[in-house]
Structures are given as structure tokens and as C-alpha cells.
PDB file of N, CA and C in Angstrom:
ATOM      1  N   ILE A   1      30.119 -23.935  39.986  1.00  0.00           N
ATOM      2  CA  ILE A   1      31.429 -24.709  39.069  1.00  0.00           C
ATOM      3  C   ILE A   1      32.125 -25.200  40.362  1.00  0.00           C
ATOM      4  N   LEU A   2      32.470 -26.464  39.797  1.00  0.00           N
ATOM      5  CA  LEU A   2      33.412 -27.311  40.484  1.00  0.00           C
ATOM      6  C   LEU A   2      34.658 -27.540  39.820  1.00  0.00           C
ATOM      7  N   ILE A   3      35.592 -27.259  40.527  1.00  0.00           N
ATOM      8  CA  ILE A   3      37.188 -27.333  39.957  1.00  0.00           C
ATOM      9  C   ILE A   3      37.659 -28.423  40.934  1.00  0.00           C
ATOM     10  N   GLY A   4      37.817 -29.520  40.669  1.00  0.00           N
ATOM     11  CA  GLY A   4      38.386 -30.832  41.527  1.00  0.00           C
ATOM     12  C   GLY A   4      37.341 -30.886  42.663  1.00  0.00           C
ATOM     13  N   LYS A   5      37.899 -30.582  43.786  1.00  0.00           N
ATOM     14  CA  LYS A   5      36.910 -30.799  44.932  1.00  0.00           C
ATOM     15  C   LYS A   5      36.404 -29.447  45.612  1.00  0.00           C
ATOM     16  N   GLN A   6      36.574 -28.651  45.077  1.00  0.00           N
ATOM     17  CA  GLN A   6      36.537 -27.233  45.495  1.00  0.00           C
ATOM     18  C   GLN A   6      35.373 -26.532  44.766  1.00  0.00           C
ATOM     19  N   ARG A   7      34.326 -25.857  45.324  1.00  0.00           N
ATOM     20  CA  ARG A   7      33.454 -25.260  44.486  1.00  0.00           C
ATOM     21  C   ARG A   7      33.865 -23.668  44.709  1.00  0.00           C
ATOM     22  N   ILE A   8      33.711 -23.289  43.460  1.00  0.00           N
ATOM     23  CA  ILE A   8      33.924 -21.918  43.082  1.00  0.00           C
ATOM     24  C   ILE A   8      32.730 -21.252  42.508  1.00  0.00           C
ATOM     25  N   PRO A   9      32.432 -20.121  43.277  1.00  0.00           N
ATOM     26  CA  PRO A   9      31.238 -19.436  42.954  1.00  0.00           C
ATOM     27  C   PRO A   9      31.496 -18.660  41.783  1.00  0.00           C
ATOM     28  N   LEU A  10      30.422 -18.652  41.015  1.00  0.00           N
ATOM     29  CA  LEU A  10      30.142 -18.142  39.581  1.00  0.00           C
ATOM     30  C   LEU A  10      29.845 -16.697  39.865  1.00  0.00           C
ATOM     31  N   LEU A  11      28.961 -16.199  40.705  1.00  0.00           N
ATOM     32  CA  LEU A  11      28.867 -14.826  40.796  1.00  0.00           C
ATOM     33  C   LEU A  11      29.576 -14.157  41.638  1.00  0.00           C
ATOM     34  N   PRO A  12      29.771 -12.928  41.607  1.00  0.00           N
ATOM     35  CA  PRO A  12      30.708 -12.040  42.616  1.00  0.00           C
ATOM     36  C   PRO A  12      30.134 -12.278  44.061  1.00  0.00           C
ATOM     37  N   ARG A  13      30.974 -12.028  44.799  1.00  0.00           N
ATOM     38  CA  ARG A  13      30.663 -11.925  46.535  1.00  0.00           C
ATOM     39  C   ARG A  13      30.001 -10.831  46.571  1.00  0.00           C
ATOM     40  N   SER A  14      30.595  -9.662  46.109  1.00  0.00           N
ATOM     41  CA  SER A  14      30.141  -8.478  46.380  1.00  0.00           C
ATOM     42  C   SER A  14      28.885  -8.012  46.208  1.00  0.00           C
ATOM     43  N   TRP A  15      27.809  -7.464  47.061  1.00  0.00           N
ATOM     44  CA  TRP A  15      26.266  -7.222  46.643  1.00  0.00           C
ATOM     45  C   TRP A  15      26.331  -5.894  45.740  1.00  0.00           C
ATOM     46  N   LEU A  16      27.316  -5.138  45.697  1.00  0.00           N
ATOM     47  CA  LEU A  16      27.408  -4.191  44.736  1.00  0.00           C
ATOM     48  C   LEU A  16      27.613  -4.591  43.238  1.00  0.00           C
ATOM     49  N   ALA A  17      28.449  -5.493  43.302  1.00  0.00           N
ATOM     50  CA  ALA A  17      28.901  -6.041  41.778  1.00  0.00           C
ATOM     51  C   ALA A  17      27.444  -6.886  41.366  1.00  0.00           C
ATOM     52  N   ARG A  18      26.803  -7.665  42.090  1.00  0.00           N
ATOM     53  CA  ARG A  18      25.680  -8.317  41.853  1.00  0.00           C
ATOM     54  C   ARG A  18      24.460  -7.295  41.402  1.00  0.00           C
ATOM     55  N   ILE A  19      24.205  -6.276  42.210  1.00  0.00           N
ATOM     56  CA  ILE A  19      23.429  -5.329  42.090  1.00  0.00           C
ATOM     57  C   ILE A  19      23.588  -4.695  40.504  1.00  0.00           C
ATOM     58  N   MET A  20      24.711  -4.351  40.302  1.00  0.00           N
ATOM     59  CA  MET A  20      25.290  -3.813  38.934  1.00  0.00           C
ATOM     60  C   MET A  20      25.120  -4.792  37.839  1.00  0.00           C
ATOM     61  N   LEU A  21      25.399  -6.042  38.087  1.00  0.00           N
ATOM     62  CA  LEU A  21      25.332  -7.007  37.172  1.00  0.00           C
ATOM     63  C   LEU A  21      23.714  -7.361  36.723  1.00  0.00           C
ATOM     64  N   LEU A  22      22.699  -7.237  37.592  1.00  0.00           N
ATOM     65  CA  LEU A  22      21.430  -7.219  37.428  1.00  0.00           C
ATOM     66  C   LEU A  22      20.879  -6.257  36.826  1.00  0.00           C
ATOM     67  N   CYS A  23      21.311  -4.858  37.201  1.00  0.00           N
ATOM     68  CA  CYS A  23      21.182  -3.599  36.235  1.00  0.00           C
ATOM     69  C   CYS A  23      21.500  -3.659  34.854  1.00  0.00           C
ATOM     70  N   PHE A  24      22.665  -4.341  34.576  1.00  0.00           N
ATOM     71  CA  PHE A  24      23.344  -4.369  33.299  1.00  0.00           C
ATOM     72  C   PHE A  24      22.382  -5.412  32.325  1.00  0.00           C
ATOM     73  N   VAL A  25      21.846  -6.497  33.081  1.00  0.00           N
ATOM     74  CA  VAL A  25      20.957  -7.480  32.402  1.00  0.00           C
ATOM     75  C   VAL A  25      19.476  -6.866  32.269  1.00  0.00           C
ATOM     76  N   PHE A  26      19.124  -6.018  33.099  1.00  0.00           N
ATOM     77  CA  PHE A  26      17.500  -5.781  33.040  1.00  0.00           C
ATOM     78  C   PHE A  26      17.515  -4.130  32.458  1.00  0.00           C
ATOM     79  N   MET A  27      18.421  -3.683  31.950  1.00  0.00           N
ATOM     80  CA  MET A  27      18.358  -2.221  31.174  1.00  0.00           C
ATOM     81  C   MET A  27      17.900  -2.945  29.933  1.00  0.00           C
ATOM     82  N   THR A  28      17.516  -3.976  29.473  1.00  0.00           N
ATOM     83  CA  THR A  28      16.939  -4.216  28.437  1.00  0.00           C
ATOM     84  C   THR A  28      15.589  -3.837  28.277  1.00  0.00           C
ATOM     85  N   VAL A  29      14.627  -3.781  29.549  1.00  0.00           N
ATOM     86  CA  VAL A  29      13.375  -3.454  29.717  1.00  0.00           C
ATOM     87  C   VAL A  29      12.904  -2.016  29.448  1.00  0.00           C
ATOM     88  N   PRO A  30      13.658  -1.125  29.870  1.00  0.00           N
ATOM     89  CA  PRO A  30      13.308   0.197  29.166  1.00  0.00           C
ATOM     90  C   PRO A  30      13.795   0.626  27.831  1.00  0.00           C
ATOM     91  N   THR A  31      14.726  -0.025  27.537  1.00  0.00           N
ATOM     92  CA  THR A  31      15.267  -0.208  25.999  1.00  0.00           C
ATOM     93  C   THR A  31      14.055  -0.492  25.208  1.00  0.00           C
ATOM     94  N   VAL A  32      13.321  -1.794  25.361  1.00  0.00           N
ATOM     95  CA  VAL A  32      12.333  -2.261  24.640  1.00  0.00           C
ATOM     96  C   VAL A  32      11.123  -1.263  24.565  1.00  0.00           C
ATOM     97  N   LEU A  33      10.901  -1.220  26.003  1.00  0.00           N
ATOM     98  CA  LEU A  33       9.579  -0.477  26.145  1.00  0.00           C
ATOM     99  C   LEU A  33       9.503   1.017  25.599  1.00  0.00           C
ATOM    100  N   THR A  34      10.719   1.670  25.246  1.00  0.00           N
ATOM    101  CA  THR A  34      10.827   3.041  24.620  1.00  0.00           C
ATOM    102  C   THR A  34      11.209   2.897  23.378  1.00  0.00           C
ATOM    103  N   ASN A  35      11.124   1.737  22.764  1.00  0.00           N
ATOM    104  CA  ASN A  35      11.260   1.495  21.338  1.00  0.00           C
ATOM    105  C   ASN A  35      10.471   1.233  20.383  1.00  0.00           C
ATOM    106  N   PRO A  36       9.181   1.517  20.507  1.00  0.00           N
ATOM    107  CA  PRO A  36       8.096   0.537  19.629  1.00  0.00           C
ATOM    108  C   PRO A  36       7.954   1.258  18.375  1.00  0.00           C
ATOM    109  N   ASP A  37       8.566   2.408  17.809  1.00  0.00           N
ATOM    110  CA  ASP A  37       8.495   2.929  16.420  1.00  0.00           C
ATOM    111  C   ASP A  37       9.063   1.748  15.501  1.00  0.00           C
ATOM    112  N   ALA A  38       8.238   2.017  14.483  1.00  0.00           N
ATOM    113  CA  ALA A  38       9.112   1.038  12.969  1.00  0.00           C
ATOM    114  C   ALA A  38      10.015   2.054  12.354  1.00  0.00           C
ATOM    115  N   ILE A  39      10.770   1.227  11.788  1.00  0.00           N
ATOM    116  CA  ILE A  39      11.845   2.166  10.775  1.00  0.00           C
ATOM    117  C   ILE A  39      11.386   1.805   9.734  1.00  0.00           C
ATOM    118  N   ILE A  40      11.230   3.056   8.803  1.00  0.00           N
ATOM    119  CA  ILE A  40      10.738   2.878   7.625  1.00  0.00           C
ATOM    120  C   ILE A  40      11.892   3.648   6.538  1.00  0.00           C
ATOM    121  N   ILE A  41      12.064   2.608   5.609  1.00  0.00           N
ATOM    122  CA  ILE A  41      13.273   2.585   4.742  1.00  0.00           C
ATOM    123  C   ILE A  41      12.650   2.860   3.299  1.00  0.00           C
ATOM    124  N   ASP A  42      12.698   4.192   2.869  1.00  0.00           N
ATOM    125  CA  ASP A  42      12.223   4.742   1.416  1.00  0.00           C
ATOM    126  C   ASP A  42      13.383   4.756   0.682  1.00  0.00           C
ATOM    127  N   ALA A  43      13.700   3.752  -0.201  1.00  0.00           N
ATOM    128  CA  ALA A  43      14.658   4.326  -1.114  1.00  0.00           C
ATOM    129  C   ALA A  43      14.302   4.007  -2.725  1.00  0.00           C
ATOM    130  N   PRO A  44      13.415   5.165  -3.272  1.00  0.00           N
ATOM    131  CA  PRO A  44      13.023   5.093  -4.486  1.00  0.00           C
ATOM    132  C   PRO A  44      14.148   5.265  -5.493  1.00  0.00           C
ATOM    133  N   PHE A  45      15.134   6.004  -4.945  1.00  0.00           N
ATOM    134  CA  PHE A  45      16.305   6.759  -5.975  1.00  0.00           C
ATOM    135  C   PHE A  45      17.235   5.427  -6.476  1.00  0.00           C
ATOM    136  N   MET A  46      17.283   4.353  -5.410  1.00  0.00           N
ATOM    137  CA  MET A  46      18.313   3.352  -5.717  1.00  0.00           C
ATOM    138  C   MET A  46      17.506   2.234  -6.790  1.00  0.00           C
ATOM    139  N   GLU A  47      18.405   2.132  -7.759  1.00  0.00           N
ATOM    140  CA  GLU A  47      18.002   1.061  -8.771  1.00  0.00           C
ATOM    141  C   GLU A  47      18.279  -0.271  -8.586  1.00  0.00           C
ATOM    142  N   SER A  48      19.295  -0.701  -7.753  1.00  0.00           N
ATOM    143  CA  SER A  48      19.402  -2.136  -7.482  1.00  0.00           C
ATOM    144  C   SER A  48      19.793  -2.127  -6.018  1.00  0.00           C
ATOM    145  N   GLY A  49      20.094  -3.120  -5.407  1.00  0.00           N
ATOM    146  CA  GLY A  49      20.255  -3.637  -3.740  1.00  0.00           C
ATOM    147  C   GLY A  49      19.073  -4.051  -3.187  1.00  0.00           C
ATOM    148  N   PRO A  50      19.278  -4.335  -1.954  1.00  0.00           N
ATOM    149  CA  PRO A  50      18.070  -4.706  -1.129  1.00  0.00           C
ATOM    150  C   PRO A  50      17.121  -3.804  -1.048  1.00  0.00           C
ATOM    151  N   PHE A  51      17.270  -2.502  -1.061  1.00  0.00           N
ATOM    152  CA  PHE A  51      16.132  -1.476  -0.703  1.00  0.00           C
ATOM    153  C   PHE A  51      15.974  -0.919  -2.125  1.00  0.00           C
ATOM    154  N   GLY A  52      16.413  -1.236  -3.092  1.00  0.00           N
ATOM    155  CA  GLY A  52      16.152  -0.554  -4.305  1.00  0.00           C
ATOM    156  C   GLY A  52      14.696  -0.400  -4.921  1.00  0.00           C
ATOM    157  N   GLY A  53      14.294   0.808  -5.072  1.00  0.00           N
ATOM    158  CA  GLY A  53      12.931   1.176  -5.676  1.00  0.00           C
ATOM    159  C   GLY A  53      11.927   0.536  -4.731  1.00  0.00           C
ATOM    160  N   SER A  54      12.161   0.635  -3.467  1.00  0.00           N
ATOM    161  CA  SER A  54      10.881   0.100  -2.687  1.00  0.00           C
ATOM    162  C   SER A  54      10.827   0.694  -1.296  1.00  0.00           C
ATOM    163  N   LYS A  55       9.911   0.350  -0.753  1.00  0.00           N
ATOM    164  CA  LYS A  55       9.758   0.838   0.783  1.00  0.00           C
ATOM    165  C   LYS A  55       9.977  -0.377   1.348  1.00  0.00           C
ATOM    166  N   ARG A  56      10.584  -0.233   2.649  1.00  0.00           N
ATOM    167  CA  ARG A  56      10.885  -1.404   3.303  1.00  0.00           C
ATOM    168  C   ARG A  56      10.594  -0.929   4.997  1.00  0.00           C
ATOM    169  N   ILE A  57       9.906  -1.774   5.610  1.00  0.00           N
ATOM    170  CA  ILE A  57       9.372  -1.275   7.358  1.00  0.00           C
ATOM    171  C   ILE A  57      10.144  -2.573   8.010  1.00  0.00           C
ATOM    172  N   ILE A  58      10.866  -2.075   8.889  1.00  0.00           N
ATOM    173  CA  ILE A  58      11.367  -2.834  10.242  1.00  0.00           C
ATOM    174  C   ILE A  58      10.488  -2.650  11.064  1.00  0.00           C
ATOM    175  N   PRO A  59       9.878  -3.621  11.788  1.00  0.00           N
ATOM    176  CA  PRO A  59       8.784  -3.305  12.971  1.00  0.00           C
ATOM    177  C   PRO A  59       9.508  -2.865  13.959  1.00  0.00           C
ATOM    178  N   GLY A  60       9.051  -2.383  15.169  1.00  0.00           N
ATOM    179  CA  GLY A  60       9.333  -1.475  16.053  1.00  0.00           C
ATOM    180  C   GLY A  60       9.462  -2.854  17.199  1.00  0.00           C
ATOM    181  N   LEU A  61      10.150  -2.766  18.355  1.00  0.00           N
ATOM    182  CA  LEU A  61      10.261  -3.689  19.496  1.00  0.00           C
ATOM    183  C   LEU A  61       8.867  -3.892  20.460  1.00  0.00           C
ATOM    184  N   VAL A  62       8.704  -5.133  20.693  1.00  0.00           N
ATOM    185  CA  VAL A  62       7.479  -5.443  21.398  1.00  0.00           C
ATOM    186  C   VAL A  62       7.976  -6.131  22.707  1.00  0.00           C
ATOM    187  N   PRO A  63       7.296  -6.027  23.664  1.00  0.00           N
ATOM    188  CA  PRO A  63       7.404  -6.437  24.935  1.00  0.00           C
ATOM    189  C   PRO A  63       8.191  -8.027  25.089  1.00  0.00           C
ATOM    190  N   ARG A  64       7.586  -8.646  24.294  1.00  0.00           N
ATOM    191  CA  ARG A  64       8.359 -10.043  24.172  1.00  0.00           C
ATOM    192  C   ARG A  64       9.600 -10.270  23.940  1.00  0.00           C
ATOM    193  N   GLU A  65      10.393  -9.459  23.461  1.00  0.00           N
ATOM    194  CA  GLU A  65      11.858  -9.322  23.115  1.00  0.00           C
ATOM    195  C   GLU A  65      12.556  -8.938  24.314  1.00  0.00           C
ATOM    196  N   ILE A  66      11.849  -8.600  25.389  1.00  0.00           N
ATOM    197  CA  ILE A  66      12.662  -8.422  26.442  1.00  0.00           C
ATOM    198  C   ILE A  66      13.532  -9.750  26.868  1.00  0.00           C
ATOM    199  N   ILE A  67      12.704 -10.936  26.719  1.00  0.00           N
ATOM    200  CA  ILE A  67      13.457 -12.072  27.214  1.00  0.00           C
ATOM    201  C   ILE A  67      14.351 -12.556  26.268  1.00  0.00           C
ATOM    202  N   SER A  68      14.339 -12.294  24.967  1.00  0.00           N
ATOM    203  CA  SER A  68      15.423 -12.684  24.056  1.00  0.00           C
ATOM    204  C   SER A  68      16.502 -11.667  24.088  1.00  0.00           C
ATOM    205  N   PHE A  69      16.188 -10.589  24.275  1.00  0.00           N
ATOM    206  CA  PHE A  69      17.323  -9.648  24.461  1.00  0.00           C
ATOM    207  C   PHE A  69      18.139  -9.684  25.823  1.00  0.00           C
ATOM    208  N   SER A  70      17.558 -10.104  26.711  1.00  0.00           N
ATOM    209  CA  SER A  70      18.210 -10.259  28.185  1.00  0.00           C
ATOM    210  C   SER A  70      18.869 -11.539  27.861  1.00  0.00           C
ATOM    211  N   GLY A  71      18.415 -12.673  27.292  1.00  0.00           N
ATOM    212  CA  GLY A  71      18.961 -13.939  27.171  1.00  0.00           C
ATOM    213  C   GLY A  71      20.180 -13.701  26.441  1.00  0.00           C
ATOM    214  N   ALA A  72      20.034 -13.169  25.341  1.00  0.00           N
ATOM    215  CA  ALA A  72      21.098 -12.878  24.469  1.00  0.00           C
ATOM    216  C   ALA A  72      22.595 -11.946  25.115  1.00  0.00           C
ATOM    217  N   LEU A  73      22.100 -11.169  25.904  1.00  0.00           N
ATOM    218  CA  LEU A  73      23.053 -10.195  26.945  1.00  0.00           C
ATOM    219  C   LEU A  73      23.554 -11.008  27.742  1.00  0.00           C
ATOM    220  N   ILE A  74      22.885 -12.031  28.229  1.00  0.00           N
ATOM    221  CA  ILE A  74      23.652 -13.028  29.257  1.00  0.00           C
ATOM    222  C   ILE A  74      24.674 -13.884  28.616  1.00  0.00           C
ATOM    223  N   LEU A  75      24.255 -14.509  27.648  1.00  0.00           N
ATOM    224  CA  LEU A  75      25.038 -15.302  26.866  1.00  0.00           C
ATOM    225  C   LEU A  75      26.159 -15.047  26.096  1.00  0.00           C
ATOM    226  N   ILE A  76      25.933 -13.799  25.639  1.00  0.00           N
ATOM    227  CA  ILE A  76      27.132 -12.938  24.830  1.00  0.00           C
ATOM    228  C   ILE A  76      28.196 -12.169  25.844  1.00  0.00           C
ATOM    229  N   HIS A  77      27.432 -11.600  26.744  1.00  0.00           N
ATOM    230  CA  HIS A  77      28.425 -10.665  27.570  1.00  0.00           C
ATOM    231  C   HIS A  77      28.831 -11.061  29.031  1.00  0.00           C
ATOM    232  N   VAL A  78      27.616 -11.516  29.741  1.00  0.00           N
ATOM    233  CA  VAL A  78      27.931 -11.927  31.148  1.00  0.00           C
ATOM    234  C   VAL A  78      28.457 -13.188  31.493  1.00  0.00           C
ATOM    235  N   LEU A  79      27.932 -13.963  30.683  1.00  0.00           N
ATOM    236  CA  LEU A  79      28.526 -15.478  30.801  1.00  0.00           C
ATOM    237  C   LEU A  79      30.279 -15.688  30.778  1.00  0.00           C
ATOM    238  N   PRO A  80      30.698 -15.034  29.702  1.00  0.00           N
ATOM    239  CA  PRO A  80      32.078 -15.148  29.337  1.00  0.00           C
ATOM    240  C   PRO A  80      32.890 -14.215  30.514  1.00  0.00           C
ATOM    241  N   PHE A  81      32.265 -13.266  31.076  1.00  0.00           N
ATOM    242  CA  PHE A  81      33.199 -12.639  31.907  1.00  0.00           C
ATOM    243  C   PHE A  81      33.076 -13.311  33.230  1.00  0.00           C
ATOM    244  N   LEU A  82      31.777 -13.807  33.769  1.00  0.00           N
ATOM    245  CA  LEU A  82      32.103 -14.681  35.032  1.00  0.00           C
ATOM    246  C   LEU A  82      32.858 -15.940  34.783  1.00  0.00           C
ATOM    247  N   THR A  83      32.693 -16.519  33.755  1.00  0.00           N
ATOM    248  CA  THR A  83      33.498 -17.784  33.610  1.00  0.00           C
ATOM    249  C   THR A  83      35.294 -17.585  33.469  1.00  0.00           C
ATOM    250  N   ALA A  84      35.214 -16.249  33.158  1.00  0.00           N
ATOM    251  CA  ALA A  84      36.745 -16.082  32.830  1.00  0.00           C
ATOM    252  C   ALA A  84      37.382 -15.661  34.356  1.00  0.00           C
ATOM    253  N   ARG A  85      36.503 -14.989  34.863  1.00  0.00           N
ATOM    254  CA  ARG A  85      36.806 -14.830  36.409  1.00  0.00           C
ATOM    255  C   ARG A  85      37.211 -15.951  37.266  1.00  0.00           C
ATOM    256  N   VAL A  86      36.379 -17.010  37.010  1.00  0.00           N
ATOM    257  CA  VAL A  86      36.293 -18.366  37.795  1.00  0.00           C
ATOM    258  C   VAL A  86      38.045 -18.882  37.047  1.00  0.00           C
ATOM    259  N   VAL A  87      37.918 -19.357  35.961  1.00  0.00           N
ATOM    260  CA  VAL A  87      39.035 -19.914  35.311  1.00  0.00           C
ATOM    261  C   VAL A  87      40.314 -19.117  35.417  1.00  0.00           C
ATOM    262  N   LEU A  88      40.130 -17.634  35.263  1.00  0.00           N
ATOM    263  CA  LEU A  88      41.557 -17.145  35.504  1.00  0.00           C
ATOM    264  C   LEU A  88      42.019 -16.799  36.889  1.00  0.00           C
ATOM    265  N   ALA A  89      41.323 -17.230  37.863  1.00  0.00           N
ATOM    266  CA  ALA A  89      41.566 -16.776  39.411  1.00  0.00           C
ATOM    267  C   ALA A  89      42.924 -17.226  39.751  1.00  0.00           C
ATOM    268  N   ASN A  90      43.393 -18.439  39.058  1.00  0.00           N
ATOM    269  CA  ASN A  90      44.784 -18.845  39.583  1.00  0.00           C
ATOM    270  C   ASN A  90      45.705 -18.833  38.387  1.00  0.00           C
ATOM    271  N   GLU A  91      47.059 -19.283  38.698  1.00  0.00           N
ATOM    272  CA  GLU A  91      48.172 -19.286  37.765  1.00  0.00           C
ATOM    273  C   GLU A  91      47.822 -20.502  36.775  1.00  0.00           C
ATOM    274  N   ALA A  92      47.348 -21.399  37.162  1.00  0.00           N
ATOM    275  CA  ALA A  92      47.351 -22.502  36.338  1.00  0.00           C
ATOM    276  C   ALA A  92      46.222 -22.338  35.402  1.00  0.00           C
ATOM    277  N   GLY A  93      45.218 -21.630  35.536  1.00  0.00           N
ATOM    278  CA  GLY A  93      44.301 -20.985  34.465  1.00  0.00           C
ATOM    279  C   GLY A  93      44.716 -20.134  33.438  1.00  0.00           C
ATOM    280  N   ARG A  94      45.418 -19.151  34.143  1.00  0.00           N
ATOM    281  CA  ARG A  94      45.987 -18.288  33.143  1.00  0.00           C
ATOM    282  C   ARG A  94      47.204 -18.938  32.406  1.00  0.00           C
ATOM    283  N   ARG A  95      48.123 -19.969  32.788  1.00  0.00           N
ATOM    284  CA  ARG A  95      49.093 -20.551  32.233  1.00  0.00           C
ATOM    285  C   ARG A  95      48.190 -21.527  30.833  1.00  0.00           C
ATOM    286  N   GLU A  96      47.130 -21.785  31.281  1.00  0.00           N
ATOM    287  CA  GLU A  96      46.479 -22.601  30.037  1.00  0.00           C
ATOM    288  C   GLU A  96      45.846 -21.876  29.145  1.00  0.00           C
ATOM    289  N   LEU A  97      45.416 -20.756  29.504  1.00  0.00           N
ATOM    290  CA  LEU A  97      44.695 -19.792  28.679  1.00  0.00           C
ATOM    291  C   LEU A  97      46.040 -19.298  27.694  1.00  0.00           C
ATOM    292  N   PHE A  98      46.961 -18.993  28.178  1.00  0.00           N
ATOM    293  CA  PHE A  98      48.429 -18.493  27.577  1.00  0.00           C
ATOM    294  C   PHE A  98      48.732 -19.512  26.372  1.00  0.00           C
ATOM    295  N   ARG A  99      48.817 -20.817  27.007  1.00  0.00           N
ATOM    296  CA  ARG A  99      49.071 -21.740  25.987  1.00  0.00           C
ATOM    297  C   ARG A  99      48.252 -22.094  24.817  1.00  0.00           C
ATOM    298  N   ALA A 100      46.634 -21.863  25.275  1.00  0.00           N
ATOM    299  CA  ALA A 100      45.756 -22.048  24.152  1.00  0.00           C
ATOM    300  C   ALA A 100      46.108 -20.943  22.993  1.00  0.00           C
ATOM    301  N   LEU A 101      46.438 -19.676  23.415  1.00  0.00           N
ATOM    302  CA  LEU A 101      46.402 -18.560  22.491  1.00  0.00           C
ATOM    303  C   LEU A 101      47.956 -18.792  21.922  1.00  0.00           C
ATOM    304  N   MET A 102      48.742 -19.265  22.469  1.00  0.00           N
ATOM    305  CA  MET A 102      49.972 -19.582  21.632  1.00  0.00           C
ATOM    306  C   MET A 102      49.850 -20.645  20.544  1.00  0.00           C
ATOM    307  N   ILE A 103      49.074 -21.741  20.723  1.00  0.00           N
ATOM    308  CA  ILE A 103      48.732 -22.982  19.991  1.00  0.00           C
ATOM    309  C   ILE A 103      47.820 -22.276  18.736  1.00  0.00           C
ATOM    310  N   GLY A 104      46.915 -21.503  19.242  1.00  0.00           N
ATOM    311  CA  GLY A 104      45.961 -20.950  18.183  1.00  0.00           C
ATOM    312  C   GLY A 104      46.857 -20.207  17.315  1.00  0.00           C
ATOM    313  N   GLY A 105      47.608 -19.202  17.892  1.00  0.00           N
ATOM    314  CA  GLY A 105      48.409 -18.553  16.867  1.00  0.00           C
ATOM    315  C   GLY A 105      49.232 -19.062  15.898  1.00  0.00           C
ATOM    316  N   LEU A 106      49.678 -20.205  16.637  1.00  0.00           N
ATOM    317  CA  LEU A 106      50.855 -21.090  15.739  1.00  0.00           C
ATOM    318  C   LEU A 106      49.830 -21.411  14.565  1.00  0.00           C
ATOM    319  N   LEU A 107      48.873 -22.181  14.869  1.00  0.00           N
ATOM    320  CA  LEU A 107      47.990 -23.038  14.024  1.00  0.00           C
ATOM    321  C   LEU A 107      47.360 -21.812  12.704  1.00  0.00           C
ATOM    322  N   TYR A 108      47.178 -20.760  13.377  1.00  0.00           N
ATOM    323  CA  TYR A 108      46.716 -19.650  12.282  1.00  0.00           C
ATOM    324  C   TYR A 108      47.614 -19.125  11.181  1.00  0.00           C
ATOM    325  N   THR A 109      49.110 -19.110  11.592  1.00  0.00           N
ATOM    326  CA  THR A 109      50.060 -18.853  10.989  1.00  0.00           C
ATOM    327  C   THR A 109      50.323 -19.950  10.115  1.00  0.00           C
ATOM    328  N   ILE A 110      49.988 -21.183  10.038  1.00  0.00           N
ATOM    329  CA  ILE A 110      50.571 -22.356   9.220  1.00  0.00           C
ATOM    330  C   ILE A 110      50.218 -22.197   7.720  1.00  0.00           C
ATOM    331  N   PRO A 111      48.817 -21.566   7.331  1.00  0.00           N
ATOM    332  CA  PRO A 111      48.415 -21.580   6.155  1.00  0.00           C
ATOM    333  C   PRO A 111      49.384 -20.349   5.418  1.00  0.00           C
ATOM    334  N   ALA A 112      49.807 -19.417   6.071  1.00  0.00           N
ATOM    335  CA  ALA A 112      50.562 -18.456   5.339  1.00  0.00           C
ATOM    336  C   ALA A 112      51.881 -18.638   5.097  1.00  0.00           C
TER     337      ALA A 112
END
């Protein structure tokens, strides 16, 4: 990431933090490989609703889902933390975040 003329690294400098980050992302591999069982929902006693009077089968996890789970984990959990680490590293970034939260809070209260 470039801010002005200075390059700010997105990944942490510590090797321990990088290893922990990789372990966090690749923990989807054993999760997917150990959950191949399908979930069977049998609800004959219910008269209405999405499962009423029927049997529904949710398939188990397959190995191709490792890629989608890892991608979702990176996009939802890892990138926001790494980006915040870069943006909130100095006082100007923290001030800008505080200002954005204040404006958002004020805009949220206008309809009330």
C-alpha cells in the first residue's frame, strides 16, 4: 500500500505473526476434510414452514470448498485487520476514522 511517497507493508513484519496468519487461513483445510457428512433434517411433525412435513438434506463439505472458505475468510476477517493496521498506524488515520464515525452517528440519528 502506498500512502504519499512512503510504502507501508500490509503484512506484519514478525515471522510469528505471519505464521499465525497462515495457520488461521489454512485451518479451513482440516475443517472441510473432516466434515463430509450430510445433514438430514426430518420434520414430519411440522405442518408449515420451510421444513414442514418433508425431509431435507444439506450436503456435506467437499474439497473444492477449501478455496471458497479460505477466500471468504481472507476477505471477511484478515483484510480488514491488515488494512486497519496500516490506516490506523498514525494519528491522522485515527482522527479520520473518528471523524467518519462521528458523521455516521449523526447521519444515523437524523431520521429519529
